[in-house]
Amino acid sequence: MNESCNPLANVSTPNETVQTPHDETNDNMTDEIPEDRNNRLKSIVWDHFTKVKVDGKEKAKCNYCKKLLGGRARDGTSHLRRHMKICTPRLSTMRHNNGQTFLTAKVLQGKKELGTGIYDVENARKELAHAIILHEYPLSIVEHIGFRRYSASLQPLFQVPCRNTIKKEIFKVYEVEKTIILKLLETLPQRVAITSDMWTASNKKKGYMAVTAHYIDENWDIQSQILRFIYVHAPHTSERLCNALVECLMDWNTDTKLSTITLDNCSTYDAMIEKIKDKLQLNTLLQDGALLHMRCCAHILNLIVKDGLEVVKDGVERIRDSVAYWTTTPKRKEKFEETGK
């Protein structure tokens, strides 16, 4: 998997700097705004909200609880996304009908009252998968006796799944998040910039390529999504790296809306870019691919610093040996403090 594969992500929510407007009730009369075919709302949150006018002001009405929130273009969508996560009627519709109803304590205006809740086995299993992804827990946590006892104390009806079951659940979460990102990238009017890096094991036999997409959202904020972590077999030749990267780009439908690909500054990547151009349609690239390759400035700066340290390497080693000599034993340090020699 990238998101990780960690498109989770999103499981990684992008930070948005738009100020959250003040929530308003739906006591006033509202008029629904007809959809303009030439200016359709592109964010997926509008699948759950309807634009209406209240006293001449544009509002976003929740399709589930009918609550009114700010709906102007400059209000953004971050407050709408937050409302979707806490909207009780929406969450209820997402639960399955075979869930078990139980009593639970709720705090309303400082007073504890009993309310009804729904225990859903599939939802509990999905939340466990989200927790493992979010905190990078090992899959073996579901087999730990302490974790099983803790889960049983919270909800005796919940049977902790085995490692293979929770692995399948995690892949389900990945597929859902991938579908969301695919839909976003397909409706994105701007181009997508790609960055890629390579990690190689000390024995040079294993390597992983990380591919990240960068784009500008509807609020003109720069967002990033990890598309994939790719295992690349050795040897890591330009042809093999090219095939892995092009396969990822086509899998995410970004091969026709590329702007640039940022890579480390080395001869292997230079040869890889030329092979990528042969596999892609040049008429879909900026300047027929002339601007496709961008060399990573951080990697170039790292090479400069390494060359600079080589010049002063002898002096740095002498300073290190001197510090190690005086800090080897406490007696030598005390003698130096007393005599200065």
Protein backbone atom coordinates (compact mmCIF):
# COMPACT_ATOMS: atom_id res chain seq x y z
CA MET A 1 0.00 0.00 0.00
CA ASN A 2 0.75 4.77 -0.42
CA GLU A 3 -1.80 7.49 2.01
CA SER A 4 0.04 4.02 2.66
CA CYS A 5 0.23 3.82 0.18
CA ASN A 6 -0.66 5.89 2.44
CA PRO A 7 -3.66 7.69 0.73
CA LEU A 8 -5.05 7.58 4.08
CA ALA A 9 -3.96 9.20 4.16
CA ASN A 10 -6.23 11.11 4.13
CA VAL A 11 -6.17 8.83 6.48
CA SER A 12 -3.85 12.18 6.60
CA THR A 13 -6.63 15.12 6.49
CA PRO A 14 -5.11 18.05 4.55
CA ASN A 15 -4.78 21.24 6.60
CA GLU A 16 -7.08 23.99 5.48
CA THR A 17 -6.65 27.63 6.54
CA VAL A 18 -10.14 28.82 5.69
CA GLN A 19 -11.92 30.46 8.65
CA THR A 20 -14.88 28.41 9.85
CA PRO A 21 -18.10 30.41 9.57
CA HIS A 22 -20.62 30.57 12.38
CA ASP A 23 -23.25 27.81 12.34
CA GLU A 24 -26.83 28.94 11.93
CA THR A 25 -30.15 27.28 12.55
CA ASN A 26 -32.66 26.51 9.86
CA ASP A 27 -35.59 28.45 11.34
CA ASN A 28 -35.76 30.88 8.41
CA MET A 29 -37.38 30.14 5.09
CA THR A 30 -34.90 28.82 2.55
CA ASP A 31 -34.89 28.78 -1.24
CA GLU A 32 -32.86 26.12 -3.01
CA ILE A 33 -30.34 27.47 -5.52
CA PRO A 34 -30.59 25.72 -8.92
CA GLU A 35 -27.38 24.06 -10.09
CA ASP A 36 -25.50 25.83 -12.87
CA ARG A 37 -24.20 23.26 -15.35
CA ASN A 38 -21.31 25.54 -16.30
CA ASN A 39 -20.27 26.10 -12.65
CA ARG A 40 -20.90 22.85 -10.83
CA LEU A 41 -19.61 22.31 -7.31
CA LYS A 42 -16.59 20.04 -7.59
CA SER A 43 -15.87 19.12 -3.95
CA ILE A 44 -17.22 15.73 -2.87
CA VAL A 45 -18.75 17.31 0.26
CA TRP A 46 -21.48 18.79 -1.92
CA ASP A 47 -22.84 15.28 -2.37
CA HIS A 48 -24.07 15.69 1.22
CA PHE A 49 -25.07 19.39 1.17
CA THR A 50 -27.45 21.55 -0.87
CA LYS A 51 -26.88 25.24 -1.60
CA VAL A 52 -29.80 27.41 -0.47
CA LYS A 53 -30.45 31.11 0.12
CA VAL A 54 -31.49 32.40 3.55
CA ASP A 55 -32.34 36.11 3.76
CA GLY A 56 -30.38 36.64 0.57
CA LYS A 57 -27.27 34.84 1.85
CA GLU A 58 -25.88 31.61 0.40
CA LYS A 59 -25.96 28.72 2.87
CA ALA A 60 -25.09 25.02 2.77
CA LYS A 61 -27.95 22.84 4.08
CA CYS A 62 -27.07 19.37 5.36
CA ASN A 63 -29.08 16.72 3.52
CA TYR A 64 -29.39 14.68 6.72
CA CYS A 65 -30.00 17.00 9.70
CA LYS A 66 -31.04 20.08 7.64
CA LYS A 67 -28.59 22.28 9.54
CA LEU A 68 -27.44 25.47 7.81
CA LEU A 69 -23.77 26.40 7.52
CA GLY A 70 -21.80 28.94 5.53
CA GLY A 71 -22.10 28.21 1.82
CA ARG A 72 -20.23 31.03 0.12
CA ALA A 73 -17.27 30.21 -2.10
CA ARG A 74 -14.84 32.01 0.21
CA ASP A 75 -16.09 30.02 3.22
CA GLY A 76 -14.38 26.90 1.87
CA THR A 77 -15.38 23.34 2.71
CA SER A 78 -13.37 22.51 5.86
CA HIS A 79 -16.32 23.27 8.19
CA LEU A 80 -18.58 21.11 6.01
CA ARG A 81 -16.18 18.19 6.26
CA ARG A 82 -16.08 18.54 10.05
CA HIS A 83 -19.86 18.58 10.22
CA MET A 84 -20.06 15.36 8.16
CA LYS A 85 -17.95 13.58 10.79
CA ILE A 86 -20.30 14.50 13.68
CA CYS A 87 -23.69 14.59 11.93
CA THR A 88 -25.71 12.03 13.90
CA PRO A 89 -28.41 11.33 11.24
CA ARG A 90 -25.71 10.75 8.62
CA LEU A 91 -23.77 8.41 10.88
CA SER A 92 -26.97 6.52 11.64
CA THR A 93 -27.67 5.93 7.95
CA MET A 94 -24.16 4.54 7.50
CA ARG A 95 -24.75 1.85 10.10
CA HIS A 96 -26.27 -1.45 9.15
CA ASN A 97 -29.76 -2.39 10.19
CA ASN A 98 -28.54 -5.51 11.98
CA GLY A 99 -26.74 -3.45 14.64
CA GLN A 100 -27.73 -4.02 18.26
CA THR A 101 -29.32 -1.14 20.21
CA PHE A 102 -28.04 -0.48 23.74
CA LEU A 103 -28.27 2.18 26.46
CA THR A 104 -25.41 4.62 26.86
CA ALA A 105 -24.74 7.63 29.08
CA LYS A 106 -24.73 11.03 27.39
CA VAL A 107 -23.88 14.43 28.83
CA LEU A 108 -26.39 17.07 27.74
CA GLN A 109 -26.00 20.63 29.08
CA GLY A 110 -23.98 19.40 32.04
CA LYS A 111 -26.44 16.63 32.97
CA LYS A 112 -25.96 12.92 32.46
CA GLU A 113 -28.84 11.21 30.72
CA LEU A 114 -29.39 7.77 29.27
CA GLY A 115 -29.61 7.52 25.50
CA THR A 116 -29.68 4.80 22.90
CA GLY A 117 -26.75 3.70 20.81
CA ILE A 118 -26.16 1.08 18.13
CA TYR A 119 -23.42 -1.52 18.31
CA ASP A 120 -22.26 -2.44 14.81
CA VAL A 121 -19.70 -5.23 14.50
CA GLU A 122 -18.53 -4.17 11.03
CA ASN A 123 -18.14 -0.54 12.08
CA ALA A 124 -16.11 -1.59 15.15
CA ARG A 125 -13.84 -3.72 12.97
CA LYS A 126 -13.41 -0.83 10.54
CA GLU A 127 -12.48 1.57 13.36
CA LEU A 128 -9.91 -0.94 14.62
CA ALA A 129 -8.37 -1.02 11.13
CA HIS A 130 -8.27 2.80 11.09
CA ALA A 131 -6.51 2.82 14.49
CA ILE A 132 -3.86 0.36 13.27
CA ILE A 133 -3.25 2.47 10.17
CA LEU A 134 -3.24 5.80 12.00
CA HIS A 135 -0.81 4.78 14.76
CA GLU A 136 1.15 2.20 12.74
CA TYR A 137 0.41 -0.60 15.17
CA PRO A 138 1.66 -4.07 14.18
CA LEU A 139 -1.01 -6.45 12.91
CA SER A 140 -0.06 -8.79 15.75
CA ILE A 141 -1.76 -6.42 18.23
CA VAL A 142 -5.05 -8.24 17.60
CA GLU A 143 -3.44 -11.40 18.97
CA HIS A 144 -2.13 -9.81 22.19
CA ILE A 145 -3.90 -11.17 25.26
CA GLY A 146 -3.93 -7.77 26.96
CA PHE A 147 -5.55 -6.09 23.98
CA ARG A 148 -8.19 -8.81 23.73
CA ARG A 149 -9.03 -8.50 27.44
CA TYR A 150 -9.25 -4.71 27.14
CA SER A 151 -11.57 -4.99 24.12
CA ALA A 152 -13.78 -7.48 25.95
CA SER A 153 -14.10 -5.11 28.92
CA LEU A 154 -15.32 -2.33 26.59
CA GLN A 155 -17.73 -4.44 24.54
CA PRO A 156 -18.09 -8.16 25.39
CA LEU A 157 -20.00 -8.75 22.14
CA PHE A 158 -17.04 -7.68 19.99
CA GLN A 159 -14.83 -10.56 18.94
CA VAL A 160 -11.35 -9.29 18.08
CA PRO A 161 -10.54 -10.49 14.53
CA CYS A 162 -7.47 -12.50 13.67
CA ARG A 163 -4.46 -11.05 11.87
CA ASN A 164 -5.58 -12.12 8.37
CA THR A 165 -9.08 -10.68 8.88
CA ILE A 166 -7.82 -7.29 10.03
CA LYS A 167 -5.38 -7.29 7.10
CA LYS A 168 -8.31 -7.68 4.70
CA GLU A 169 -10.13 -4.88 6.53
CA ILE A 170 -7.15 -2.58 6.08
CA PHE A 171 -7.11 -3.29 2.35
CA LYS A 172 -10.83 -2.39 2.25
CA VAL A 173 -10.01 0.97 3.84
CA TYR A 174 -7.26 1.45 1.26
CA GLU A 175 -9.64 0.75 -1.64
CA VAL A 176 -12.20 3.24 -0.29
CA GLU A 177 -9.60 5.97 0.18
CA LYS A 178 -8.09 5.23 -3.24
CA THR A 179 -11.51 5.64 -4.88
CA ILE A 180 -11.93 9.03 -3.20
CA ILE A 181 -8.50 10.27 -4.33
CA LEU A 182 -9.06 8.93 -7.86
CA LYS A 183 -12.31 10.85 -8.11
CA LEU A 184 -10.58 13.97 -6.83
CA LEU A 185 -7.70 13.71 -9.31
CA GLU A 186 -10.06 13.06 -12.22
CA THR A 187 -12.11 16.21 -11.51
CA LEU A 188 -9.03 18.32 -10.78
CA PRO A 189 -8.67 21.03 -13.45
CA GLN A 190 -5.02 21.72 -12.56
CA ARG A 191 -2.01 19.58 -13.37
CA VAL A 192 -0.33 17.29 -10.83
CA ALA A 193 3.32 17.46 -9.80
CA ILE A 194 5.02 14.19 -8.83
CA THR A 195 7.93 13.66 -6.45
CA SER A 196 9.67 10.32 -6.07
CA ASP A 197 12.39 9.01 -3.79
CA MET A 198 14.18 5.70 -3.45
CA TRP A 199 15.26 3.83 -0.31
CA THR A 200 17.80 1.04 -0.74
CA ALA A 201 18.83 -1.51 1.87
CA SER A 202 22.45 -1.84 2.90
CA ASN A 203 22.83 -5.06 0.91
CA LYS A 204 21.54 -3.28 -2.25
CA LYS A 205 19.10 -6.14 -2.88
CA LYS A 206 15.90 -4.45 -1.68
CA GLY A 207 14.56 -1.04 -2.56
CA TYR A 208 11.34 0.92 -2.17
CA MET A 209 10.10 3.81 -4.29
CA ALA A 210 7.75 6.38 -2.78
CA VAL A 211 5.53 8.34 -5.17
CA THR A 212 3.75 11.50 -3.97
CA ALA A 213 1.32 13.74 -5.88
CA HIS A 214 1.11 17.49 -5.24
CA TYR A 215 -1.77 19.65 -6.45
CA ILE A 216 -3.75 22.82 -5.71
CA ASP A 217 -7.26 22.28 -4.36
CA GLU A 218 -10.42 24.37 -4.85
CA ASN A 219 -9.32 26.73 -2.03
CA TRP A 220 -5.97 27.32 -3.75
CA ASP A 221 -4.09 25.47 -1.02
CA ILE A 222 -1.21 23.12 -1.90
CA GLN A 223 -2.08 19.54 -0.97
CA SER A 224 -0.05 16.32 -1.09
CA GLN A 225 -1.13 12.69 -1.34
CA ILE A 226 1.14 9.65 -1.13
CA LEU A 227 0.11 7.44 -4.02
CA ARG A 228 2.20 4.32 -3.53
CA PHE A 229 5.16 2.65 -1.89
CA ILE A 230 6.57 0.39 -4.59
CA TYR A 231 8.91 -2.53 -3.97
CA VAL A 232 11.50 -2.51 -6.75
CA HIS A 233 13.64 -5.59 -7.36
CA ALA A 234 17.38 -5.23 -7.74
CA PRO A 235 19.24 -4.19 -9.78
CA HIS A 236 17.70 -0.72 -9.78
CA THR A 237 18.33 0.16 -13.40
CA SER A 238 16.73 3.09 -15.21
CA GLU A 239 14.49 0.70 -17.17
CA ARG A 240 13.17 -1.01 -14.04
CA LEU A 241 12.57 2.28 -12.21
CA CYS A 242 10.85 3.70 -15.29
CA ASN A 243 8.43 0.77 -15.51
CA ALA A 244 7.54 1.02 -11.81
CA LEU A 245 6.88 4.77 -11.95
CA VAL A 246 4.90 4.74 -15.22
CA GLU A 247 2.73 1.88 -13.95
CA CYS A 248 1.92 3.93 -10.84
CA LEU A 249 1.08 7.05 -12.87
CA MET A 250 -1.27 5.14 -15.14
CA ASP A 251 -2.88 3.34 -12.21
CA TRP A 252 -3.79 6.74 -10.70
CA ASN A 253 -4.74 8.34 -14.06
CA THR A 254 -2.13 11.09 -13.70
CA ASP A 255 -0.09 10.25 -16.79
CA THR A 256 -2.05 12.75 -18.95
CA LYS A 257 -2.05 15.68 -16.50
CA LEU A 258 1.56 15.73 -15.32
CA SER A 259 3.37 19.00 -14.78
CA THR A 260 6.78 17.92 -13.42
CA ILE A 261 8.54 14.93 -11.84
CA THR A 262 11.05 15.83 -9.12
CA LEU A 263 13.87 13.31 -8.60
CA ASP A 264 17.33 13.12 -7.05
CA ASN A 265 20.22 14.43 -9.13
CA CYS A 266 21.90 11.31 -10.53
CA SER A 267 22.61 9.78 -13.93
CA THR A 268 20.21 6.85 -13.39
CA TYR A 269 17.25 9.22 -13.04
CA ASP A 270 18.39 11.23 -16.06
CA ALA A 271 18.19 8.08 -18.19
CA MET A 272 14.89 7.10 -16.55
CA ILE A 273 13.22 10.40 -17.53
CA GLU A 274 14.10 9.85 -21.20
CA LYS A 275 12.51 6.39 -21.06
CA ILE A 276 9.40 7.83 -19.36
CA LYS A 277 8.97 10.32 -22.20
CA ASP A 278 8.99 7.43 -24.69
CA LYS A 279 6.15 5.73 -22.78
CA LEU A 280 3.95 8.84 -22.31
CA GLN A 281 2.14 11.05 -24.79
CA LEU A 282 4.40 14.06 -25.29
CA ASN A 283 1.52 16.28 -26.46
CA THR A 284 -0.05 15.97 -22.99
CA LEU A 285 3.11 17.27 -21.25
CA LEU A 286 4.29 20.85 -20.79
CA GLN A 287 6.46 21.94 -23.71
CA ASP A 288 6.35 18.35 -25.03
CA GLY A 289 8.18 17.12 -21.94
CA ALA A 290 10.94 19.72 -21.91
CA LEU A 291 9.96 20.79 -18.37
CA LEU A 292 9.17 17.32 -17.06
CA HIS A 293 12.37 16.62 -15.14
CA MET A 294 13.04 18.69 -12.00
CA ARG A 295 16.13 17.99 -9.90
CA CYS A 296 15.63 17.99 -6.14
CA CYS A 297 17.29 21.08 -4.62
CA ALA A 298 17.52 19.43 -1.18
CA HIS A 299 19.50 16.53 -2.66
CA ILE A 300 21.83 18.92 -4.50
CA LEU A 301 22.39 20.91 -1.26
CA ASN A 302 23.11 17.66 0.58
CA LEU A 303 25.80 16.77 -1.98
CA ILE A 304 27.37 20.24 -1.59
CA VAL A 305 27.49 19.91 2.22
CA LYS A 306 29.05 16.44 1.97
CA ASP A 307 31.80 17.77 -0.34
CA GLY A 308 32.37 20.67 2.06
CA LEU A 309 32.70 18.36 5.06
CA GLU A 310 35.31 16.32 3.20
CA VAL A 311 37.55 19.42 3.13
CA VAL A 312 37.46 19.87 6.93
CA LYS A 313 37.26 16.14 7.70
CA ASP A 314 40.72 15.97 9.38
CA GLY A 315 40.01 18.92 11.65
CA VAL A 316 36.62 17.53 12.70
CA GLU A 317 38.18 14.15 13.53
CA ARG A 318 40.82 15.80 15.75
CA ILE A 319 38.15 17.73 17.65
CA ARG A 320 36.14 14.55 18.16
CA ASP A 321 39.20 12.65 19.43
CA SER A 322 39.99 15.49 21.82
CA VAL A 323 36.47 15.54 23.26
CA ALA A 324 36.50 11.75 23.59
CA TYR A 325 39.85 11.88 25.40
CA TRP A 326 38.69 14.33 28.07
CA THR A 327 35.33 12.71 28.64
CA THR A 328 36.57 9.12 28.85
CA THR A 329 36.83 8.98 32.66
CA PRO A 330 35.55 11.27 35.46
CA LYS A 331 39.04 11.37 37.09
CA ARG A 332 40.66 12.85 33.99
CA LYS A 333 37.88 15.44 33.80
CA GLU A 334 38.33 16.35 37.49
CA LYS A 335 42.10 16.64 37.05
CA PHE A 336 41.64 18.97 34.08
CA GLU A 337 39.25 21.17 36.07
CA GLU A 338 41.70 21.36 39.00
CA THR A 339 44.98 21.90 37.15
CA GLY A 340 43.89 23.02 33.74
CA LYS A 341 46.22 20.44 32.19
